[in-house]
C-alpha cells in the first residue's frame, strides 16, 4: 500500500516509512508546524540585536552615561536582555557584550565586557 505525503498528499515512492515525497515538502511541513515558535524567536532576536546596536552606538560615540528615559527614546527595551549580573553593589543588564550598569536613581553607565564567560 502506497503512503501519502504529509504536505502535498502525493503518492510517495520509495521506502515504506517515508513521510514526504521530497525535501521541499518536508521543509515546508516543518516550517508550517513551527511557524509560531519561530516567529516569536525571530522577534525576540530582533529586539536583542536592536538593544545591542543602541548600546554599541552610544559607547562608540563616547556616551558613557545615560538615563533610562533617553534609552527608551532611542528604542531600547529593558525587558529584553541576554544576561543580568548583580552583586550587592552593582546591577548590570547585558545585550551580548554591551550593557548598562545602574549607578544611581536613573543614571546608567554603558559598559562593554569583552571577557564574558558563559557556562553551559
PDB file of N, CA and C in Angstrom:
ATOM      1  N   UNK A   1       0.843  -1.185   0.000  1.00  0.00           N
ATOM      2  CA  UNK A   1       0.000   0.000   0.000  1.00  0.00           C
ATOM      3  C   UNK A   1       0.884   1.244   0.000  1.00  0.00           C
ATOM      4  N   UNK A   2       0.665   2.163  -0.925  1.00  0.00           N
ATOM      5  CA  UNK A   2       1.449   3.390  -1.036  1.00  0.00           C
ATOM      6  C   UNK A   2       0.959   4.417  -0.024  1.00  0.00           C
ATOM      7  N   UNK A   3       1.899   5.154   0.561  1.00  0.00           N
ATOM      8  CA  UNK A   3       1.524   6.182   1.531  1.00  0.00           C
ATOM      9  C   UNK A   3       1.459   7.549   0.853  1.00  0.00           C
ATOM     10  N   UNK A   4       0.837   8.483   1.541  1.00  0.00           N
ATOM     11  CA  UNK A   4       0.639   9.838   1.016  1.00  0.00           C
ATOM     12  C   UNK A   4       1.612  10.798   1.703  1.00  0.00           C
ATOM     13  N   UNK A   5       2.098  11.772   0.962  1.00  0.00           N
ATOM     14  CA  UNK A   5       2.955  12.827   1.504  1.00  0.00           C
ATOM     15  C   UNK A   5       2.160  13.667   2.493  1.00  0.00           C
ATOM     16  N   UNK A   6       2.735  13.942   3.659  1.00  0.00           N
ATOM     17  CA  UNK A   6       2.057  14.740   4.687  1.00  0.00           C
ATOM     18  C   UNK A   6       1.813  16.184   4.248  1.00  0.00           C
ATOM     19  N   UNK A   7       2.582  16.656   3.288  1.00  0.00           N
ATOM     20  CA  UNK A   7       2.463  18.043   2.857  1.00  0.00           C
ATOM     21  C   UNK A   7       1.544  18.204   1.652  1.00  0.00           C
ATOM     22  N   UNK A   8       1.788  17.450   0.588  1.00  0.00           N
ATOM     23  CA  UNK A   8       1.056  17.678  -0.667  1.00  0.00           C
ATOM     24  C   UNK A   8       0.099  16.549  -1.039  1.00  0.00           C
ATOM     25  N   UNK A   9       0.064  15.488  -0.247  1.00  0.00           N
ATOM     26  CA  UNK A   9      -0.808  14.325  -0.452  1.00  0.00           C
ATOM     27  C   UNK A   9      -0.508  13.520  -1.721  1.00  0.00           C
ATOM     28  N   UNK A  10       0.646  13.748  -2.316  1.00  0.00           N
ATOM     29  CA  UNK A  10       1.063  12.944  -3.470  1.00  0.00           C
ATOM     30  C   UNK A  10       1.454  11.545  -2.993  1.00  0.00           C
ATOM     31  N   UNK A  11       1.403  10.595  -3.871  1.00  0.00           N
ATOM     32  CA  UNK A  11       1.831   9.241  -3.550  1.00  0.00           C
ATOM     33  C   UNK A  11       3.352   9.223  -3.411  1.00  0.00           C
ATOM     34  N   UNK A  12       3.811   8.579  -2.349  1.00  0.00           N
ATOM     35  CA  UNK A  12       5.249   8.528  -2.068  1.00  0.00           C
ATOM     36  C   UNK A  12       5.835   7.268  -2.681  1.00  0.00           C
ATOM     37  N   UNK A  13       6.943   7.456  -3.368  1.00  0.00           N
ATOM     38  CA  UNK A  13       7.671   6.323  -3.937  1.00  0.00           C
ATOM     39  C   UNK A  13       8.927   6.102  -3.103  1.00  0.00           C
ATOM     40  N   UNK A  14       9.281   4.864  -2.910  1.00  0.00           N
ATOM     41  CA  UNK A  14      10.495   4.570  -2.158  1.00  0.00           C
ATOM     42  C   UNK A  14      10.193   3.771  -0.915  1.00  0.00           C
ATOM     43  N   UNK A  15      10.961   4.028   0.135  1.00  0.00           N
ATOM     44  CA  UNK A  15      10.827   3.286   1.389  1.00  0.00           C
ATOM     45  C   UNK A  15       9.398   3.367   1.938  1.00  0.00           C
ATOM     46  N   UNK A  16       9.027   2.341   2.644  1.00  0.00           N
ATOM     47  CA  UNK A  16       7.662   2.294   3.181  1.00  0.00           C
ATOM     48  C   UNK A  16       7.454   3.247   4.357  1.00  0.00           C
ATOM     49  N   UNK A  17       8.548   3.680   5.014  1.00  0.00           N
ATOM     50  CA  UNK A  17       8.413   4.562   6.165  1.00  0.00           C
ATOM     51  C   UNK A  17       8.602   6.046   5.819  1.00  0.00           C
ATOM     52  N   UNK A  18       8.746   6.380   4.540  1.00  0.00           N
ATOM     53  CA  UNK A  18       8.888   7.773   4.135  1.00  0.00           C
ATOM     54  C   UNK A  18       7.598   8.535   4.433  1.00  0.00           C
ATOM     55  N   UNK A  19       7.742   9.778   4.868  1.00  0.00           N
ATOM     56  CA  UNK A  19       6.574  10.601   5.188  1.00  0.00           C
ATOM     57  C   UNK A  19       6.353  11.709   4.167  1.00  0.00           C
ATOM     58  N   UNK A  20       7.375  12.035   3.392  1.00  0.00           N
ATOM     59  CA  UNK A  20       7.296  13.141   2.440  1.00  0.00           C
ATOM     60  C   UNK A  20       7.819  12.689   1.087  1.00  0.00           C
ATOM     61  N   UNK A  21       7.286  13.275   0.022  1.00  0.00           N
ATOM     62  CA  UNK A  21       7.710  12.892  -1.319  1.00  0.00           C
ATOM     63  C   UNK A  21       9.000  13.576  -1.742  1.00  0.00           C
ATOM     64  N   UNK A  22       9.351  14.694  -1.061  1.00  0.00           N
ATOM     65  CA  UNK A  22      10.567  15.426  -1.436  1.00  0.00           C
ATOM     66  C   UNK A  22      11.073  16.243  -0.261  1.00  0.00           C
ATOM     67  N   UNK A  23      12.304  16.723  -0.389  1.00  0.00           N
ATOM     68  CA  UNK A  23      12.863  17.609   0.639  1.00  0.00           C
ATOM     69  C   UNK A  23      12.053  18.901   0.724  1.00  0.00           C
ATOM     70  N   UNK A  24      11.582  19.385  -0.412  1.00  0.00           N
ATOM     71  CA  UNK A  24      10.777  20.609  -0.453  1.00  0.00           C
ATOM     72  C   UNK A  24       9.537  20.462   0.440  1.00  0.00           C
ATOM     73  N   UNK A  25       8.814  19.361   0.303  1.00  0.00           N
ATOM     74  CA  UNK A  25       7.626  19.121   1.122  1.00  0.00           C
ATOM     75  C   UNK A  25       7.983  18.957   2.598  1.00  0.00           C
ATOM     76  N   UNK A  26       9.066  18.266   2.871  1.00  0.00           N
ATOM     77  CA  UNK A  26       9.499  18.064   4.261  1.00  0.00           C
ATOM     78  C   UNK A  26       9.799  19.398   4.937  1.00  0.00           C
ATOM     79  N   UNK A  27      10.531  20.281   4.250  1.00  0.00           N
ATOM     80  CA  UNK A  27      10.890  21.581   4.812  1.00  0.00           C
ATOM     81  C   UNK A  27       9.649  22.453   4.978  1.00  0.00           C
ATOM     82  N   UNK A  28       8.763  22.461   3.987  1.00  0.00           N
ATOM     83  CA  UNK A  28       7.523  23.242   4.094  1.00  0.00           C
ATOM     84  C   UNK A  28       6.671  22.787   5.264  1.00  0.00           C
ATOM     85  N   UNK A  29       6.550  21.488   5.441  1.00  0.00           N
ATOM     86  CA  UNK A  29       5.766  20.934   6.542  1.00  0.00           C
ATOM     87  C   UNK A  29       6.354  21.367   7.889  1.00  0.00           C
ATOM     88  N   UNK A  30       7.670  21.257   8.019  1.00  0.00           N
ATOM     89  CA  UNK A  30       8.341  21.655   9.262  1.00  0.00           C
ATOM     90  C   UNK A  30       8.144  23.142   9.522  1.00  0.00           C
ATOM     91  N   UNK A  31       8.342  23.985   8.502  1.00  0.00           N
ATOM     92  CA  UNK A  31       8.197  25.433   8.681  1.00  0.00           C
ATOM     93  C   UNK A  31       6.785  25.806   9.109  1.00  0.00           C
ATOM     94  N   UNK A  32       5.776  25.159   8.538  1.00  0.00           N
ATOM     95  CA  UNK A  32       4.394  25.445   8.925  1.00  0.00           C
ATOM     96  C   UNK A  32       4.124  25.014  10.361  1.00  0.00           C
ATOM     97  N   UNK A  33       4.643  23.857  10.757  1.00  0.00           N
ATOM     98  CA  UNK A  33       4.379  23.336  12.096  1.00  0.00           C
ATOM     99  C   UNK A  33       5.094  24.137  13.186  1.00  0.00           C
ATOM    100  N   UNK A  34       6.186  24.801  12.840  1.00  0.00           N
ATOM    101  CA  UNK A  34       6.958  25.566  13.831  1.00  0.00           C
ATOM    102  C   UNK A  34       6.821  27.078  13.640  1.00  0.00           C
ATOM    103  N   UNK A  35       5.883  27.497  12.822  1.00  0.00           N
ATOM    104  CA  UNK A  35       5.784  28.903  12.440  1.00  0.00           C
ATOM    105  C   UNK A  35       5.668  29.841  13.643  1.00  0.00           C
ATOM    106  N   UNK A  36       4.752  29.580  14.562  1.00  0.00           N
ATOM    107  CA  UNK A  36       4.542  30.475  15.698  1.00  0.00           C
ATOM    108  C   UNK A  36       5.772  30.565  16.590  1.00  0.00           C
ATOM    109  N   UNK A  37       6.382  29.422  16.857  1.00  0.00           N
ATOM    110  CA  UNK A  37       7.583  29.396  17.695  1.00  0.00           C
ATOM    111  C   UNK A  37       8.729  30.146  17.020  1.00  0.00           C
ATOM    112  N   UNK A  38       8.931  29.893  15.735  1.00  0.00           N
ATOM    113  CA  UNK A  38       9.999  30.575  15.002  1.00  0.00           C
ATOM    114  C   UNK A  38       9.749  32.074  14.919  1.00  0.00           C
ATOM    115  N   UNK A  39       8.503  32.468  14.748  1.00  0.00           N
ATOM    116  CA  UNK A  39       8.146  33.892  14.680  1.00  0.00           C
ATOM    117  C   UNK A  39       8.497  34.600  15.991  1.00  0.00           C
ATOM    118  N   UNK A  40       8.140  33.985  17.110  1.00  0.00           N
ATOM    119  CA  UNK A  40       8.444  34.560  18.417  1.00  0.00           C
ATOM    120  C   UNK A  40       9.954  34.672  18.618  1.00  0.00           C
ATOM    121  N   UNK A  41      10.710  33.644  18.212  1.00  0.00           N
ATOM    122  CA  UNK A  41      12.165  33.680  18.373  1.00  0.00           C
ATOM    123  C   UNK A  41      12.785  34.761  17.490  1.00  0.00           C
ATOM    124  N   UNK A  42      12.302  34.907  16.272  1.00  0.00           N
ATOM    125  CA  UNK A  42      12.819  35.948  15.380  1.00  0.00           C
ATOM    126  C   UNK A  42      12.545  37.339  15.952  1.00  0.00           C
ATOM    127  N   UNK A  43      11.347  37.552  16.489  1.00  0.00           N
ATOM    128  CA  UNK A  43      11.001  38.853  17.065  1.00  0.00           C
ATOM    129  C   UNK A  43      11.878  39.172  18.273  1.00  0.00           C
ATOM    130  N   UNK A  44      12.095  38.180  19.127  1.00  0.00           N
ATOM    131  CA  UNK A  44      12.938  38.376  20.304  1.00  0.00           C
ATOM    132  C   UNK A  44      14.374  38.690  19.899  1.00  0.00           C
ATOM    133  N   UNK A  45      14.916  37.937  18.949  1.00  0.00           N
ATOM    134  CA  UNK A  45      16.287  38.186  18.490  1.00  0.00           C
ATOM    135  C   UNK A  45      16.418  39.553  17.833  1.00  0.00           C
ATOM    136  N   UNK A  46      15.391  39.999  17.139  1.00  0.00           N
ATOM    137  CA  UNK A  46      15.408  41.326  16.515  1.00  0.00           C
ATOM    138  C   UNK A  46      15.510  42.419  17.589  1.00  0.00           C
ATOM    139  N   UNK A  47      14.767  42.269  18.668  1.00  0.00           N
ATOM    140  CA  UNK A  47      14.808  43.247  19.762  1.00  0.00           C
ATOM    141  C   UNK A  47      16.174  43.219  20.451  1.00  0.00           C
ATOM    142  N   UNK A  48      16.714  42.025  20.707  1.00  0.00           N
ATOM    143  CA  UNK A  48      18.032  41.915  21.344  1.00  0.00           C
ATOM    144  C   UNK A  48      19.115  42.564  20.489  1.00  0.00           C
ATOM    145  N   UNK A  49      19.077  42.321  19.184  1.00  0.00           N
ATOM    146  CA  UNK A  49      20.069  42.936  18.289  1.00  0.00           C
ATOM    147  C   UNK A  49      19.912  44.452  18.263  1.00  0.00           C
ATOM    148  N   UNK A  50      18.670  44.933  18.295  1.00  0.00           N
ATOM    149  CA  UNK A  50      18.426  46.372  18.322  1.00  0.00           C
ATOM    150  C   UNK A  50      18.977  46.990  19.610  1.00  0.00           C
ATOM    151  N   UNK A  51      18.722  46.349  20.743  1.00  0.00           N
ATOM    152  CA  UNK A  51      19.254  46.836  22.020  1.00  0.00           C
ATOM    153  C   UNK A  51      20.784  46.894  21.983  1.00  0.00           C
ATOM    154  N   UNK A  52      21.408  45.853  21.431  1.00  0.00           N
ATOM    155  CA  UNK A  52      22.875  45.819  21.338  1.00  0.00           C
ATOM    156  C   UNK A  52      23.384  46.950  20.452  1.00  0.00           C
ATOM    157  N   UNK A  53      22.723  47.165  19.301  1.00  0.00           N
ATOM    158  CA  UNK A  53      23.145  48.241  18.389  1.00  0.00           C
ATOM    159  C   UNK A  53      23.067  49.609  19.061  1.00  0.00           C
ATOM    160  N   UNK A  54      22.017  49.832  19.835  1.00  0.00           N
ATOM    161  CA  UNK A  54      21.855  51.107  20.546  1.00  0.00           C
ATOM    162  C   UNK A  54      23.013  51.310  21.510  1.00  0.00           C
ATOM    163  N   UNK A  55      23.304  50.303  22.330  1.00  0.00           N
ATOM    164  CA  UNK A  55      24.392  50.425  23.301  1.00  0.00           C
ATOM    165  C   UNK A  55      25.746  50.561  22.616  1.00  0.00           C
ATOM    166  N   UNK A  56      25.961  49.804  21.556  1.00  0.00           N
ATOM    167  CA  UNK A  56      27.233  49.875  20.826  1.00  0.00           C
ATOM    168  C   UNK A  56      27.439  51.259  20.235  1.00  0.00           C
ATOM    169  N   UNK A  57      26.391  51.809  19.618  1.00  0.00           N
ATOM    170  CA  UNK A  57      26.489  53.140  19.016  1.00  0.00           C
ATOM    171  C   UNK A  57      26.772  54.212  20.078  1.00  0.00           C
ATOM    172  N   UNK A  58      26.076  54.129  21.201  1.00  0.00           N
ATOM    173  CA  UNK A  58      26.293  55.103  22.268  1.00  0.00           C
ATOM    174  C   UNK A  58      27.717  55.008  22.812  1.00  0.00           C
ATOM    175  N   UNK A  59      28.190  53.803  23.025  1.00  0.00           N
ATOM    176  CA  UNK A  59      29.549  53.604  23.551  1.00  0.00           C
ATOM    177  C   UNK A  59      30.583  54.107  22.549  1.00  0.00           C
ATOM    178  N   UNK A  60      30.371  53.825  21.265  1.00  0.00           N
ATOM    179  CA  UNK A  60      31.303  54.260  20.217  1.00  0.00           C
ATOM    180  C   UNK A  60      31.345  55.786  20.118  1.00  0.00           C
ATOM    181  N   UNK A  61      30.198  56.431  20.322  1.00  0.00           N
ATOM    182  CA  UNK A  61      30.125  57.897  20.251  1.00  0.00           C
ATOM    183  C   UNK A  61      30.650  58.578  21.507  1.00  0.00           C
ATOM    184  N   UNK A  62      31.087  57.805  22.490  1.00  0.00           N
ATOM    185  CA  UNK A  62      31.671  58.369  23.702  1.00  0.00           C
ATOM    186  C   UNK A  62      30.670  58.698  24.786  1.00  0.00           C
ATOM    187  N   UNK A  63      29.440  58.262  24.630  1.00  0.00           N
ATOM    188  CA  UNK A  63      28.426  58.490  25.662  1.00  0.00           C
ATOM    189  C   UNK A  63      28.524  57.386  26.697  1.00  0.00           C
ATOM    190  N   UNK A  64      29.173  57.677  27.802  1.00  0.00           N
ATOM    191  CA  UNK A  64      29.358  56.654  28.829  1.00  0.00           C
ATOM    192  C   UNK A  64      28.234  56.626  29.857  1.00  0.00           C
ATOM    193  N   UNK A  65      27.461  57.702  29.952  1.00  0.00           N
ATOM    194  CA  UNK A  65      26.395  57.772  30.945  1.00  0.00           C
ATOM    195  C   UNK A  65      25.100  58.194  30.255  1.00  0.00           C
ATOM    196  N   UNK A  66      23.992  57.589  30.688  1.00  0.00           N
ATOM    197  CA  UNK A  66      22.703  57.881  30.061  1.00  0.00           C
ATOM    198  C   UNK A  66      21.583  57.552  31.032  1.00  0.00           C
ATOM    199  N   UNK A  67      20.441  58.196  30.861  1.00  0.00           N
ATOM    200  CA  UNK A  67      19.273  57.892  31.683  1.00  0.00           C
ATOM    201  C   UNK A  67      18.431  56.828  30.980  1.00  0.00           C
ATOM    202  N   UNK A  68      17.598  56.156  31.749  1.00  0.00           N
ATOM    203  CA  UNK A  68      16.724  55.144  31.164  1.00  0.00           C
ATOM    204  C   UNK A  68      15.740  55.807  30.208  1.00  0.00           C
ATOM    205  N   UNK A  69      15.293  56.999  30.542  1.00  0.00           N
ATOM    206  CA  UNK A  69      14.368  57.719  29.663  1.00  0.00           C
ATOM    207  C   UNK A  69      14.990  57.959  28.288  1.00  0.00           C
ATOM    208  N   UNK A  70      16.247  58.342  28.263  1.00  0.00           N
ATOM    209  CA  UNK A  70      16.940  58.566  26.988  1.00  0.00           C
ATOM    210  C   UNK A  70      17.103  57.258  26.215  1.00  0.00           C
ATOM    211  N   UNK A  71      17.385  56.170  26.922  1.00  0.00           N
ATOM    212  CA  UNK A  71      17.490  54.864  26.263  1.00  0.00           C
ATOM    213  C   UNK A  71      16.161  54.454  25.632  1.00  0.00           C
ATOM    214  N   UNK A  72      15.081  54.678  26.358  1.00  0.00           N
ATOM    215  CA  UNK A  72      13.755  54.319  25.850  1.00  0.00           C
ATOM    216  C   UNK A  72      13.411  55.146  24.618  1.00  0.00           C
ATOM    217  N   UNK A  73      13.766  56.428  24.632  1.00  0.00           N
ATOM    218  CA  UNK A  73      13.524  57.286  23.472  1.00  0.00           C
ATOM    219  C   UNK A  73      14.266  56.736  22.245  1.00  0.00           C
ATOM    220  N   UNK A  74      15.436  56.158  22.459  1.00  0.00           N
ATOM    221  CA  UNK A  74      16.219  55.583  21.363  1.00  0.00           C
ATOM    222  C   UNK A  74      15.681  54.223  20.909  1.00  0.00           C
ATOM    223  N   UNK A  75      14.719  53.667  21.658  1.00  0.00           N
ATOM    224  CA  UNK A  75      14.119  52.391  21.284  1.00  0.00           C
ATOM    225  C   UNK A  75      14.593  51.213  22.110  1.00  0.00           C
ATOM    226  N   UNK A  76      15.391  51.442  23.136  1.00  0.00           N
ATOM    227  CA  UNK A  76      15.894  50.367  23.991  1.00  0.00           C
ATOM    228  C   UNK A  76      14.737  49.753  24.773  1.00  0.00           C
ATOM    229  N   UNK A  77      14.686  48.428  24.829  1.00  0.00           N
ATOM    230  CA  UNK A  77      13.650  47.712  25.574  1.00  0.00           C
ATOM    231  C   UNK A  77      14.309  46.929  26.705  1.00  0.00           C
ATOM    232  N   UNK A  78      14.208  47.442  27.913  1.00  0.00           N
ATOM    233  CA  UNK A  78      14.906  46.895  29.067  1.00  0.00           C
ATOM    234  C   UNK A  78      14.464  45.469  29.401  1.00  0.00           C
ATOM    235  N   UNK A  79      13.283  45.055  29.000  1.00  0.00           N
ATOM    236  CA  UNK A  79      12.803  43.702  29.298  1.00  0.00           C
ATOM    237  C   UNK A  79      13.477  42.637  28.455  1.00  0.00           C
ATOM    238  N   UNK A  80      14.282  43.058  27.474  1.00  0.00           N
ATOM    239  CA  UNK A  80      14.951  42.106  26.590  1.00  0.00           C
ATOM    240  C   UNK A  80      16.458  42.256  26.749  1.00  0.00           C
ATOM    241  N   UNK A  81      17.039  41.371  27.536  1.00  0.00           N
ATOM    242  CA  UNK A  81      18.477  41.355  27.756  1.00  0.00           C
ATOM    243  C   UNK A  81      18.953  39.908  27.683  1.00  0.00           C
ATOM    244  N   UNK A  82      20.233  39.726  27.439  1.00  0.00           N
ATOM    245  CA  UNK A  82      20.760  38.367  27.371  1.00  0.00           C
ATOM    246  C   UNK A  82      21.319  37.892  28.703  1.00  0.00           C
ATOM    247  N   UNK A  83      21.626  38.825  29.595  1.00  0.00           N
ATOM    248  CA  UNK A  83      22.289  38.437  30.838  1.00  0.00           C
ATOM    249  C   UNK A  83      22.120  39.547  31.856  1.00  0.00           C
ATOM    250  N   UNK A  84      21.853  39.187  33.096  1.00  0.00           N
ATOM    251  CA  UNK A  84      21.803  40.146  34.200  1.00  0.00           C
ATOM    252  C   UNK A  84      22.864  39.731  35.193  1.00  0.00           C
ATOM    253  N   UNK A  85      23.724  40.678  35.556  1.00  0.00           N
ATOM    254  CA  UNK A  85      24.802  40.423  36.505  1.00  0.00           C
ATOM    255  C   UNK A  85      24.568  41.328  37.705  1.00  0.00           C
ATOM    256  N   UNK A  86      24.502  40.745  38.871  1.00  0.00           N
ATOM    257  CA  UNK A  86      24.290  41.571  40.060  1.00  0.00           C
ATOM    258  C   UNK A  86      25.122  41.047  41.211  1.00  0.00           C
ATOM    259  N   UNK A  87      25.537  41.965  42.016  1.00  0.00           N
ATOM    260  CA  UNK A  87      26.176  41.657  43.286  1.00  0.00           C
ATOM    261  C   UNK A  87      25.658  42.690  44.272  1.00  0.00           C
ATOM    262  N   UNK A  88      26.059  42.667  45.514  1.00  0.00           N
ATOM    263  CA  UNK A  88      25.486  43.605  46.484  1.00  0.00           C
ATOM    264  C   UNK A  88      25.653  45.091  46.116  1.00  0.00           C
ATOM    265  N   UNK A  89      26.645  45.419  45.295  1.00  0.00           N
ATOM    266  CA  UNK A  89      26.900  46.827  44.998  1.00  0.00           C
ATOM    267  C   UNK A  89      26.518  47.262  43.590  1.00  0.00           C
ATOM    268  N   UNK A  90      26.363  46.343  42.655  1.00  0.00           N
ATOM    269  CA  UNK A  90      26.083  46.726  41.276  1.00  0.00           C
ATOM    270  C   UNK A  90      24.995  45.864  40.649  1.00  0.00           C
ATOM    271  N   UNK A  91      24.342  46.454  39.651  1.00  0.00           N
ATOM    272  CA  UNK A  91      23.343  45.755  38.862  1.00  0.00           C
ATOM    273  C   UNK A  91      23.619  46.085  37.404  1.00  0.00           C
ATOM    274  N   UNK A  92      23.876  45.048  36.595  1.00  0.00           N
ATOM    275  CA  UNK A  92      24.207  45.247  35.186  1.00  0.00           C
ATOM    276  C   UNK A  92      23.258  44.428  34.322  1.00  0.00           C
ATOM    277  N   UNK A  93      22.800  45.050  33.221  1.00  0.00           N
ATOM    278  CA  UNK A  93      21.962  44.387  32.230  1.00  0.00           C
ATOM    279  C   UNK A  93      22.758  44.345  30.928  1.00  0.00           C
ATOM    280  N   UNK A  94      22.918  43.152  30.355  1.00  0.00           N
ATOM    281  CA  UNK A  94      23.714  42.994  29.132  1.00  0.00           C
ATOM    282  C   UNK A  94      22.837  42.590  27.949  1.00  0.00           C
ATOM    283  N   UNK A  95      23.214  43.106  26.795  1.00  0.00           N
ATOM    284  CA  UNK A  95      22.751  42.611  25.497  1.00  0.00           C
ATOM    285  C   UNK A  95      24.009  42.157  24.796  1.00  0.00           C
ATOM    286  N   UNK A  96      24.281  40.880  24.921  1.00  0.00           N
ATOM    287  CA  UNK A  96      25.522  40.289  24.455  1.00  0.00           C
ATOM    288  C   UNK A  96      26.680  40.940  25.215  1.00  0.00           C
ATOM    289  N   UNK A  97      27.673  41.533  24.573  1.00  0.00           N
ATOM    290  CA  UNK A  97      28.821  42.068  25.306  1.00  0.00           C
ATOM    291  C   UNK A  97      28.642  43.504  25.780  1.00  0.00           C
ATOM    292  N   UNK A  98      27.590  44.183  25.320  1.00  0.00           N
ATOM    293  CA  UNK A  98      27.330  45.561  25.747  1.00  0.00           C
ATOM    294  C   UNK A  98      26.282  45.567  26.836  1.00  0.00           C
ATOM    295  N   UNK A  99      26.435  46.476  27.781  1.00  0.00           N
ATOM    296  CA  UNK A  99      25.492  46.511  28.885  1.00  0.00           C
ATOM    297  C   UNK A  99      25.373  47.883  29.501  1.00  0.00           C
ATOM    298  N   UNK A 100      24.479  47.950  30.474  1.00  0.00           N
ATOM    299  CA  UNK A 100      24.311  49.165  31.268  1.00  0.00           C
ATOM    300  C   UNK A 100      24.421  48.779  32.734  1.00  0.00           C
ATOM    301  N   UNK A 101      25.070  49.650  33.487  1.00  0.00           N
ATOM    302  CA  UNK A 101      25.226  49.426  34.926  1.00  0.00           C
ATOM    303  C   UNK A 101      24.515  50.543  35.658  1.00  0.00           C
ATOM    304  N   UNK A 102      23.632  50.171  36.565  1.00  0.00           N
ATOM    305  CA  UNK A 102      22.898  51.150  37.353  1.00  0.00           C
ATOM    306  C   UNK A 102      23.848  51.798  38.353  1.00  0.00           C
ATOM    307  N   UNK A 103      23.962  53.131  38.259  1.00  0.00           N
ATOM    308  CA  UNK A 103      24.831  53.867  39.171  1.00  0.00           C
ATOM    309  C   UNK A 103      24.031  54.482  40.311  1.00  0.00           C
ATOM    310  N   UNK A 104      22.985  55.208  39.959  1.00  0.00           N
ATOM    311  CA  UNK A 104      22.100  55.817  40.941  1.00  0.00           C
ATOM    312  C   UNK A 104      20.720  55.915  40.335  1.00  0.00           C
ATOM    313  N   UNK A 105      19.799  56.575  40.996  1.00  0.00           N
ATOM    314  CA  UNK A 105      18.378  56.597  40.642  1.00  0.00           C
ATOM    315  C   UNK A 105      18.069  56.312  39.171  1.00  0.00           C
ATOM    316  N   UNK A 106      18.418  57.184  38.267  1.00  0.00           N
ATOM    317  CA  UNK A 106      18.120  56.973  36.845  1.00  0.00           C
ATOM    318  C   UNK A 106      19.359  57.239  36.004  1.00  0.00           C
ATOM    319  N   UNK A 107      20.508  56.905  36.523  1.00  0.00           N
ATOM    320  CA  UNK A 107      21.761  57.125  35.808  1.00  0.00           C
ATOM    321  C   UNK A 107      22.426  55.772  35.550  1.00  0.00           C
ATOM    322  N   UNK A 108      22.689  55.493  34.286  1.00  0.00           N
ATOM    323  CA  UNK A 108      23.314  54.240  33.890  1.00  0.00           C
ATOM    324  C   UNK A 108      24.633  54.512  33.184  1.00  0.00           C
ATOM    325  N   UNK A 109      25.579  53.630  33.399  1.00  0.00           N
ATOM    326  CA  UNK A 109      26.852  53.698  32.697  1.00  0.00           C
ATOM    327  C   UNK A 109      26.843  52.607  31.633  1.00  0.00           C
ATOM    328  N   UNK A 110      27.221  52.969  30.408  1.00  0.00           N
ATOM    329  CA  UNK A 110      27.298  51.997  29.323  1.00  0.00           C
ATOM    330  C   UNK A 110      28.643  51.295  29.409  1.00  0.00           C
ATOM    331  N   UNK A 111      28.598  49.964  29.380  1.00  0.00           N
ATOM    332  CA  UNK A 111      29.820  49.184  29.550  1.00  0.00           C
ATOM    333  C   UNK A 111      29.949  48.160  28.420  1.00  0.00           C
ATOM    334  N   UNK A 112      31.185  47.743  28.200  1.00  0.00           N
ATOM    335  CA  UNK A 112      31.458  46.671  27.250  1.00  0.00           C
ATOM    336  C   UNK A 112      32.323  45.650  27.963  1.00  0.00           C
ATOM    337  N   UNK A 113      31.914  44.391  27.866  1.00  0.00           N
ATOM    338  CA  UNK A 113      32.650  43.318  28.523  1.00  0.00           C
ATOM    339  C   UNK A 113      33.128  42.332  27.463  1.00  0.00           C
ATOM    340  N   UNK A 114      34.399  42.391  27.150  1.00  0.00           N
ATOM    341  CA  UNK A 114      34.975  41.503  26.135  1.00  0.00           C
ATOM    342  C   UNK A 114      35.337  40.135  26.689  1.00  0.00           C
ATOM    343  N   UNK A 115      35.268  39.970  27.992  1.00  0.00           N
ATOM    344  CA  UNK A 115      35.728  38.722  28.607  1.00  0.00           C
ATOM    345  C   UNK A 115      34.606  37.905  29.230  1.00  0.00           C
ATOM    346  N   UNK A 116      33.381  38.104  28.758  1.00  0.00           N
ATOM    347  CA  UNK A 116      32.263  37.368  29.334  1.00  0.00           C
ATOM    348  C   UNK A 116      32.425  35.884  29.089  1.00  0.00           C
ATOM    349  N   UNK A 117      32.244  35.106  30.132  1.00  0.00           N
ATOM    350  CA  UNK A 117      32.305  33.662  30.003  1.00  0.00           C
ATOM    351  C   UNK A 117      30.967  33.098  30.407  1.00  0.00           C
ATOM    352  N   UNK A 118      30.418  32.266  29.546  1.00  0.00           N
ATOM    353  CA  UNK A 118      29.127  31.651  29.820  1.00  0.00           C
ATOM    354  C   UNK A 118      29.343  30.174  30.071  1.00  0.00           C
ATOM    355  N   UNK A 119      28.713  29.692  31.115  1.00  0.00           N
ATOM    356  CA  UNK A 119      28.816  28.262  31.397  1.00  0.00           C
ATOM    357  C   UNK A 119      27.651  27.547  30.730  1.00  0.00           C
ATOM    358  N   UNK A 120      27.858  26.291  30.449  1.00  0.00           N
ATOM    359  CA  UNK A 120      26.790  25.510  29.800  1.00  0.00           C
ATOM    360  C   UNK A 120      25.939  24.841  30.807  1.00  0.00           C
TER     361      UNK A 120
END
